[in-house]
Protein backbone atom coordinates (compact mmCIF):
# COMPACT_ATOMS: atom_id res chain seq x y z
CA MET A 1 0.00 0.00 0.00
CA TYR A 2 2.81 2.39 0.90
CA SER A 3 5.88 0.49 -0.27
CA GLU A 4 6.43 2.24 -3.60
CA LYS A 5 6.57 5.65 -1.93
CA VAL A 6 8.46 4.85 1.27
CA SER A 7 12.24 4.65 1.66
CA ASP A 8 12.54 5.40 5.37
CA VAL A 9 10.46 4.05 8.27
CA PHE A 10 10.52 5.86 11.62
CA PHE A 11 9.38 4.01 14.74
CA ASP A 12 8.45 5.23 18.16
CA LEU A 13 10.10 3.07 20.86
CA ASP A 14 8.05 2.89 24.07
CA HIS A 15 4.62 1.27 23.69
CA THR A 16 5.42 0.53 20.03
CA LEU A 17 8.41 -1.82 19.85
CA TRP A 18 9.48 -1.93 23.50
CA ASP A 19 6.73 -3.26 25.78
CA PHE A 20 6.78 -0.40 28.26
CA GLU A 21 3.95 -1.55 30.52
CA LYS A 22 5.32 -5.06 30.95
CA ASN A 23 8.88 -3.90 31.59
CA SER A 24 7.70 -1.13 33.89
CA ALA A 25 5.64 -3.59 35.95
CA LEU A 26 8.64 -5.88 36.40
CA THR A 27 10.75 -2.89 37.42
CA PHE A 28 8.27 -1.77 40.06
CA GLU A 29 7.96 -5.31 41.37
CA ARG A 30 11.72 -5.25 41.99
CA ILE A 31 12.20 -1.74 43.36
CA LEU A 32 9.14 -1.56 45.62
CA LYS A 33 10.34 -4.71 47.35
CA ALA A 34 13.94 -3.47 47.54
CA ASN A 35 12.78 -0.21 49.14
CA GLN A 36 10.41 -2.04 51.51
CA VAL A 37 7.33 -0.27 50.15
CA ASP A 38 4.50 -2.57 51.14
CA VAL A 39 1.82 -1.94 48.53
CA ASP A 40 0.04 -4.44 46.33
CA LEU A 41 1.70 -4.32 42.91
CA ASN A 42 -1.56 -4.60 40.98
CA ASP A 43 -3.16 -1.81 43.01
CA PHE A 44 -0.07 0.32 42.47
CA LEU A 45 0.00 -0.24 38.70
CA GLU A 46 -3.73 0.36 38.28
CA VAL A 47 -3.22 3.86 39.67
CA TYR A 48 0.26 4.46 38.21
CA ILE A 49 -0.41 3.70 34.54
CA PRO A 50 -2.96 6.48 33.84
CA ILE A 51 -1.06 8.96 36.03
CA ASN A 52 2.17 8.22 34.17
CA LEU A 53 0.49 8.70 30.78
CA ALA A 54 -0.99 12.00 32.00
CA TYR A 55 2.39 13.23 33.22
CA TRP A 56 4.04 12.30 29.93
CA LYS A 57 1.45 14.45 28.18
CA LEU A 58 2.32 17.33 30.54
CA TYR A 59 6.00 16.71 29.77
CA ARG A 60 5.32 16.75 26.02
CA ASP A 61 3.45 20.02 26.47
CA GLU A 62 6.40 21.55 28.37
CA LYS A 63 4.28 21.89 31.52
CA VAL A 64 6.55 19.81 33.76
CA THR A 65 10.29 19.19 33.79
CA LYS A 66 12.02 15.82 33.64
CA SER A 67 12.64 15.88 37.41
CA GLU A 68 9.04 16.91 38.13
CA LEU A 69 7.77 14.07 35.94
CA ARG A 70 9.90 11.51 37.75
CA TYR A 71 8.89 12.69 41.23
CA GLN A 72 5.28 13.77 40.81
CA ARG A 73 4.03 10.65 39.04
CA LEU A 74 5.10 8.58 42.06
CA LYS A 75 3.92 11.10 44.67
CA LYS A 76 0.45 11.20 43.08
CA VAL A 77 0.20 7.41 43.14
CA PHE A 78 1.05 7.11 46.82
CA ASP A 79 -1.30 9.97 47.67
CA ASN A 80 -4.03 8.22 45.71
CA LEU A 81 -3.38 4.95 47.52
CA LYS A 82 -3.26 6.81 50.86
CA TYR A 83 0.10 5.17 51.53
CA GLY A 84 2.49 7.26 53.59
CA VAL A 85 5.95 7.46 52.06
CA SER A 86 8.76 9.96 52.58
CA ASP A 87 10.14 12.25 49.89
CA ASP A 88 13.50 10.51 50.33
CA THR A 89 11.90 7.18 49.47
CA ILE A 90 10.12 8.66 46.45
CA ASP A 91 13.40 10.17 45.25
CA GLN A 92 15.14 6.81 45.68
CA LEU A 93 12.36 4.98 43.85
CA ALA A 94 12.64 7.48 40.98
CA ILE A 95 16.38 6.82 40.74
CA ASP A 96 15.98 3.06 41.04
CA TYR A 97 13.24 3.03 38.42
CA ILE A 98 15.46 4.65 35.79
CA GLU A 99 18.42 2.44 36.70
CA ASN A 100 16.41 -0.79 36.55
CA LEU A 101 13.91 -0.15 33.76
CA SER A 102 16.20 -0.99 30.87
CA THR A 103 17.31 -4.27 32.48
CA PHE A 104 13.93 -5.70 31.44
CA ASN A 105 13.65 -5.86 27.68
CA HIS A 106 10.42 -7.47 26.59
CA LEU A 107 9.41 -6.39 23.10
CA PHE A 108 5.94 -6.55 21.63
CA PRO A 109 5.10 -9.76 19.77
CA ASN A 110 6.54 -9.89 16.24
CA ALA A 111 8.84 -6.88 16.81
CA ILE A 112 12.01 -8.71 15.79
CA GLU A 113 10.23 -10.50 12.95
CA VAL A 114 8.99 -7.25 11.43
CA LEU A 115 12.35 -5.49 11.86
CA GLU A 116 14.04 -8.40 10.10
CA TYR A 117 11.47 -8.12 7.32
CA LEU A 118 11.84 -4.34 6.92
CA LYS A 119 15.60 -3.94 7.32
CA PRO A 120 16.62 -5.17 3.82
CA LYS A 121 14.00 -2.97 2.15
CA TYR A 122 13.99 0.32 4.07
CA LYS A 123 16.17 2.52 6.20
CA LEU A 124 14.85 2.28 9.76
CA HIS A 125 15.02 4.98 12.43
CA ILE A 126 13.68 5.85 15.88
CA ILE A 127 11.99 9.06 17.03
CA THR A 128 11.40 9.02 20.78
CA ASN A 129 10.40 11.44 23.53
CA GLY A 130 12.18 9.25 26.06
CA PHE A 131 15.31 10.30 27.89
CA GLN A 132 18.48 9.75 25.88
CA GLU A 133 20.48 7.66 28.36
CA VAL A 134 17.51 5.39 29.11
CA GLN A 135 16.44 4.91 25.49
CA GLU A 136 19.94 3.99 24.32
CA ARG A 137 20.18 1.37 27.06
CA LYS A 138 16.78 -0.05 26.07
CA LEU A 139 17.79 -0.36 22.42
CA ASN A 140 21.15 -1.94 23.25
CA ASN A 141 19.92 -4.30 25.96
CA ALA A 142 17.01 -5.45 23.81
CA HIS A 143 19.51 -6.11 20.98
CA ILE A 144 17.66 -3.98 18.43
CA ARG A 145 19.96 -0.94 18.16
CA ASP A 146 21.65 -2.28 15.02
CA TYR A 147 18.38 -2.25 13.08
CA PHE A 148 18.26 1.55 13.17
CA ASP A 149 20.34 4.10 11.29
CA GLN A 150 19.25 7.21 13.21
CA VAL A 151 17.91 7.47 16.76
CA VAL A 152 16.49 10.92 17.44
CA ASN A 153 15.29 11.78 20.94
CA SER A 154 13.62 14.83 22.41
CA GLU A 155 16.67 15.84 24.44
CA MET A 156 18.72 15.95 21.25
CA ALA A 157 16.04 17.89 19.38
CA GLY A 158 15.23 20.28 22.23
CA VAL A 159 11.52 19.64 21.63
CA LYS A 160 9.17 16.68 21.98
CA LYS A 161 6.74 15.01 19.63
CA PRO A 162 4.32 16.26 18.32
CA ASN A 163 6.46 19.40 17.80
CA PRO A 164 7.35 19.47 14.07
CA LEU A 165 10.98 20.30 14.80
CA ILE A 166 11.78 16.81 16.09
CA PHE A 167 10.37 15.23 12.93
CA GLU A 168 12.24 17.72 10.74
CA LEU A 169 15.49 16.93 12.59
CA ALA A 170 14.88 13.21 12.10
CA LEU A 171 14.27 13.67 8.36
CA GLU A 172 17.41 15.78 8.07
CA LYS A 173 19.54 13.21 9.90
CA ALA A 174 18.08 10.40 7.80
CA LYS A 175 18.76 12.41 4.63
CA THR A 176 15.24 11.86 3.37
CA THR A 177 12.02 13.80 2.77
CA SER A 178 8.61 13.55 4.38
CA GLU A 179 7.09 12.25 1.15
CA LYS A 180 9.34 9.18 1.35
CA ALA A 181 8.93 8.60 5.07
CA MET A 182 6.49 6.76 7.31
CA MET A 183 5.99 7.08 11.07
CA ILE A 184 4.75 4.10 13.09
CA GLY A 185 3.77 4.76 16.69
CA ASP A 186 1.21 4.22 19.43
CA SER A 187 0.35 7.81 20.33
CA LEU A 188 -2.31 9.38 18.15
CA GLU A 189 -1.34 12.85 19.35
CA ALA A 190 2.46 12.61 19.49
CA ASP A 191 3.28 10.12 16.74
CA ILE A 192 0.45 10.17 14.23
CA LEU A 193 -0.85 13.74 14.24
CA GLY A 194 2.66 15.08 14.84
CA ALA A 195 4.10 13.21 11.87
CA LYS A 196 1.15 13.94 9.56
CA ALA A 197 1.54 17.67 10.25
CA VAL A 198 5.03 17.47 8.72
CA GLY A 199 3.84 15.41 5.76
CA LEU A 200 4.91 11.90 6.77
CA GLN A 201 2.74 8.92 6.02
CA THR A 202 1.56 7.24 9.19
CA LEU A 203 0.53 3.88 10.60
CA HIS A 204 -1.07 3.80 14.05
CA PHE A 205 -0.11 0.89 16.29
CA ASN A 206 -3.07 0.78 18.65
CA ALA A 207 -1.42 -0.43 21.84
CA HIS A 208 -4.00 1.17 24.14
CA ASN A 209 -7.30 -0.08 22.65
CA GLU A 210 -8.23 3.38 21.47
CA PRO A 211 -11.40 3.86 19.39
CA ASP A 212 -11.29 3.53 15.62
CA HIS A 213 -10.53 6.64 13.59
CA GLU A 214 -10.05 7.60 9.96
CA ILE A 215 -6.86 9.61 10.37
CA CYS A 216 -4.72 6.77 9.04
CA GLN A 217 -4.56 2.99 8.90
CA MET A 218 -4.52 1.27 12.28
CA ILE A 219 -2.90 -2.01 13.31
CA HIS A 220 -3.18 -4.05 16.52
CA ASP A 221 -0.19 -6.35 15.97
CA LEU A 222 3.22 -5.38 14.64
CA GLY A 223 3.08 -8.30 12.22
CA GLU A 224 0.38 -6.42 10.31
CA ILE A 225 3.03 -3.92 9.15
CA LYS A 226 4.01 -6.44 6.48
CA SER A 227 0.61 -5.89 4.85
CA TYR A 228 1.47 -2.25 4.27
CA LEU A 229 5.22 -2.24 3.53
């Protein structure tokens, strides 16, 4: 469907290739125990997941800093659970979370298969809002870094998706044009609408069971990419 036009495929990382929720849950299981925080993991995650997504939106919108994101998302969860925890413990959990997160490297089903399929045909790249040091560790530890020519992150670009500047930087680094590029990601706002605004073709990986839309084609399994490229 797109293959004759596309030379470069840009992927988001978290929630698209790298199974963020699964790896995050394993990380919290480890660090809550290590810091003797006695909360039920399922209760914690039920509250944490929507709060984390909301804080990432605030971070994308430049309404909170990196340090505020890392602290406040945890503080809000404990407040919500009515579990008393000191600021020192929250700060330590925030540090431990970043240090441990990339030691778990579960990818979504068919991620490697589709990268193997695409690599001989297209130049592959990453555009991520994640923090540079963490994202590089994820890519390396999950053994997928070598599939990608360019890895562009928001710290490098100075802006976050959906800001057009990060997509323009990625196109420049990849030495391609928007007409020849496709963006594949999970976030309708950051990945799909952001990329379309710059002229990229888009494919929405619906990792969050969002409602159907007509903005672009939608897939629910990474293996479906082979039907389009």
